[in-house]
Amino acid sequence: INPFINRRNANIFISPQQRWRVKAQERIREHSKPAYEINREACDDFKLCERYAMLY
């Protein structure tokens, strides 16, 4: 049994209007991120930087 479905069936789950809404919400979320989260994403792989981002 294949756990994955093909692209055509996957696209049936989400209508074009829902896809647009999801993309719009993601853009809003990106623009409204707090500064500490943006800083943390900028230095995810560097532990000292991560600590600094959490403090400020």
Protein backbone atom coordinates (compact mmCIF):
# COMPACT_ATOMS: atom_id res chain seq x y z
CA ILE A 1 0.00 0.00 0.00
CA ASN A 2 1.36 3.40 -1.01
CA PRO A 3 0.89 6.04 1.75
CA PHE A 4 1.15 8.88 -0.78
CA ILE A 5 -1.58 10.04 -3.12
CA ASN A 6 -1.04 11.42 -6.58
CA ARG A 7 -1.05 15.15 -7.31
CA ARG A 8 -4.49 15.20 -8.94
CA ASN A 9 -6.16 13.62 -5.90
CA ALA A 10 -4.21 15.84 -3.52
CA ASN A 11 -5.42 18.97 -5.30
CA ILE A 12 -9.04 17.88 -4.86
CA PHE A 13 -8.69 18.30 -1.08
CA ILE A 14 -8.07 22.04 -1.28
CA SER A 15 -10.08 24.32 -3.54
CA PRO A 16 -8.33 27.22 -5.33
CA GLN A 17 -10.06 29.69 -3.00
CA GLN A 18 -8.74 27.85 0.07
CA ARG A 19 -5.24 27.78 -1.43
CA TRP A 20 -5.37 31.54 -1.92
CA ARG A 21 -6.59 32.06 1.65
CA VAL A 22 -3.80 29.87 3.06
CA LYS A 23 -1.15 31.78 1.07
CA ALA A 24 -2.59 35.12 2.21
CA GLN A 25 -2.58 34.01 5.85
CA GLU A 26 1.03 32.86 5.55
CA ARG A 27 2.07 36.26 4.13
CA ILE A 28 0.29 38.04 6.98
CA ARG A 29 1.98 35.75 9.50
CA GLU A 30 5.40 36.48 7.97
CA HIS A 31 4.84 40.24 8.17
CA SER A 32 3.55 40.17 11.74
CA LYS A 33 6.34 38.06 13.24
CA PRO A 34 7.94 39.46 16.38
CA ALA A 35 11.53 40.64 16.07
CA TYR A 36 12.88 37.87 18.29
CA GLU A 37 11.41 35.23 15.99
CA ILE A 38 12.91 36.84 12.90
CA ASN A 39 16.29 37.04 14.66
CA ARG A 40 16.03 33.44 15.77
CA GLU A 41 15.31 32.22 12.25
CA ALA A 42 18.31 34.16 10.96
CA CYS A 43 20.65 32.16 13.18
CA ASP A 44 18.98 28.79 13.77
CA ASP A 45 22.22 26.83 13.53
CA PHE A 46 24.34 28.96 15.85
CA LYS A 47 23.57 28.35 19.54
CA LEU A 48 24.99 31.59 20.98
CA CYS A 49 23.08 33.59 18.42
CA GLU A 50 19.93 31.63 19.27
CA ARG A 51 20.28 32.49 22.97
CA TYR A 52 20.81 36.15 22.15
CA ALA A 53 17.73 36.18 19.92
CA MET A 54 15.60 34.72 22.70
CA LEU A 55 16.75 37.42 25.14
CA TYR A 56 16.29 40.41 22.82
